[in-house]
Protein backbone atom coordinates (compact mmCIF):
# COMPACT_ATOMS: atom_id res chain seq x y z
CA UNK A 1 108.17 127.52 115.92
CA UNK A 2 107.87 131.05 117.29
CA UNK A 3 104.58 132.85 117.87
CA UNK A 4 103.65 135.69 115.49
CA UNK A 5 101.51 138.80 115.99
CA UNK A 6 97.92 138.73 114.69
CA UNK A 7 96.74 142.25 115.43
CA UNK A 8 93.77 140.58 117.16
CA UNK A 9 92.90 140.84 120.82
CA UNK A 10 90.81 139.05 123.39
CA UNK A 11 89.61 140.30 126.75
CA UNK A 12 89.87 138.06 129.80
CA UNK A 13 89.11 139.29 133.28
CA UNK A 14 89.04 142.86 131.99
CA UNK A 15 92.54 142.68 130.50
CA UNK A 16 93.30 143.10 126.82
CA UNK A 17 95.53 140.30 125.52
CA UNK A 18 97.12 139.95 122.10
CA UNK A 19 96.25 136.75 120.24
CA UNK A 20 99.34 135.21 118.65
CA UNK A 21 99.58 132.56 115.93
CA UNK A 22 102.00 129.91 114.72
CA UNK A 23 102.11 127.12 112.21
CA UNK A 24 101.48 123.81 113.95
CA UNK A 25 103.82 120.95 113.16
CA UNK A 26 104.26 117.34 114.21
CA UNK A 27 102.08 116.21 117.12
CA UNK A 28 100.72 119.75 117.57
CA UNK A 29 98.60 119.22 114.44
CA UNK A 30 96.45 116.77 116.41
CA UNK A 31 94.77 119.86 117.94
CA UNK A 32 92.91 120.17 114.62
CA UNK A 33 91.34 116.73 114.90
CA UNK A 34 87.55 116.80 114.72
CA UNK A 35 87.60 120.29 113.20
CA UNK A 36 85.18 121.01 110.37
CA UNK A 37 84.46 123.54 107.64
CA UNK A 38 83.74 126.99 109.06
CA UNK A 39 84.10 129.24 106.02
CA UNK A 40 85.88 130.25 102.83
CA UNK A 41 88.43 132.75 101.60
CA UNK A 42 89.43 133.99 98.18
CA UNK A 43 93.21 134.24 98.15
CA UNK A 44 96.00 133.36 95.78
CA UNK A 45 98.34 130.51 96.65
CA UNK A 46 101.40 132.79 96.65
CA UNK A 47 99.94 134.92 99.45
CA UNK A 48 99.20 131.82 101.53
CA UNK A 49 102.77 130.59 101.09
CA UNK A 50 104.21 134.03 101.87
CA UNK A 51 102.19 134.19 105.10
CA UNK A 52 102.19 130.57 106.32
CA UNK A 53 105.04 128.87 104.44
CA UNK A 54 104.87 125.93 102.05
CA UNK A 55 101.81 123.69 102.48
CA UNK A 56 102.13 120.43 104.36
CA UNK A 57 101.32 117.02 102.89
CA UNK A 58 97.82 115.90 103.78
CA UNK A 59 95.63 113.27 102.14
CA UNK A 60 96.85 113.65 98.52
CA UNK A 61 93.34 112.75 97.41
CA UNK A 62 90.72 115.44 98.00
CA UNK A 63 93.22 118.21 98.82
CA UNK A 64 96.39 119.49 97.19
CA UNK A 65 97.54 121.98 99.83
CA UNK A 66 96.95 122.19 103.58
CA UNK A 67 98.10 124.37 106.49
CA UNK A 68 97.39 123.98 110.21
CA UNK A 69 97.52 127.20 112.25
CA UNK A 70 97.34 127.47 116.03
CA UNK A 71 96.42 130.53 118.08
CA UNK A 72 97.63 131.42 121.56
CA UNK A 73 94.08 131.09 122.95
CA UNK A 74 94.05 127.42 121.86
CA UNK A 75 91.89 127.95 118.75
CA UNK A 76 93.04 126.07 115.63
CA UNK A 77 92.45 126.75 111.93
CA UNK A 78 93.07 124.62 108.88
CA UNK A 79 93.38 126.06 105.37
CA UNK A 80 92.92 123.73 102.42
CA UNK A 81 91.50 123.31 98.94
CA UNK A 82 88.73 120.74 98.51
CA UNK A 83 88.13 118.56 95.46
CA UNK A 84 89.15 121.20 92.90
CA UNK A 85 92.80 120.29 92.33
CA UNK A 86 94.78 117.75 90.36
CA UNK A 87 94.82 115.18 93.18
CA UNK A 88 91.04 114.75 92.96
CA UNK A 89 90.21 115.76 89.38
CA UNK A 90 93.35 114.66 87.55
CA UNK A 91 94.01 116.67 84.40
CA UNK A 92 90.72 118.54 84.86
CA UNK A 93 91.83 119.91 88.24
CA UNK A 94 93.47 123.22 88.97
CA UNK A 95 97.22 123.43 89.43
CA UNK A 96 97.76 124.27 93.10
CA UNK A 97 99.25 127.72 92.51
CA UNK A 98 96.17 128.68 90.46
CA UNK A 99 93.56 127.69 93.08
CA UNK A 100 91.65 130.87 94.02
CA UNK A 101 89.28 129.68 96.77
CA UNK A 102 90.19 127.97 100.01
CA UNK A 103 88.30 126.28 102.84
CA UNK A 104 88.86 127.26 106.46
CA UNK A 105 88.26 124.63 109.09
CA UNK A 106 88.29 124.82 112.85
CA UNK A 107 86.33 124.20 116.01
CA UNK A 108 84.92 127.74 116.08
CA UNK A 109 83.81 130.01 113.23
CA UNK A 110 85.87 132.93 114.53
CA UNK A 111 88.97 131.34 112.95
CA UNK A 112 87.68 132.40 109.51
CA UNK A 113 87.89 136.09 110.47
CA UNK A 114 91.30 135.52 112.03
CA UNK A 115 92.75 133.90 108.92
CA UNK A 116 91.26 136.66 106.74
CA UNK A 117 92.89 139.27 109.00
CA UNK A 118 96.29 137.54 108.84
CA UNK A 119 96.06 137.47 105.05
CA UNK A 120 94.77 141.06 104.92
CA UNK A 121 91.70 139.94 103.01
CA UNK A 122 88.79 142.36 102.76
CA UNK A 123 85.28 141.47 103.91
CA UNK A 124 84.13 140.81 100.33
CA UNK A 125 86.65 137.97 99.98
CA UNK A 126 85.72 135.73 102.89
CA UNK A 127 82.56 134.19 104.32
CA UNK A 128 81.29 131.78 106.93
CA UNK A 129 79.94 128.43 105.79
């Protein structure tokens, strides 16, 4: 998959470098192993799909939708719902396209801000855990 612009930058050795992102697939998703909850976003499912594509299958138990995003500086983010959908709650759970709040996982909390920026989410609609 091709890299996409983030509008975010990092500085290394005094040089400004653009941080790119892409959806991780196949063996690349292993980069997210040992990641953990770093924060939350409020965002509708349609916006997530428009930005990152259809969700990937995950555990089909505690989550209903999951995305793994990689950044050009080797950071990784996961986006997922947690225990509020039909997979976990059955008929009492939310239908995936109605889920309003999403968990952001990673190895570093800065991925929460990055995902919010990619989704053009204002500061009132995201937080660190």
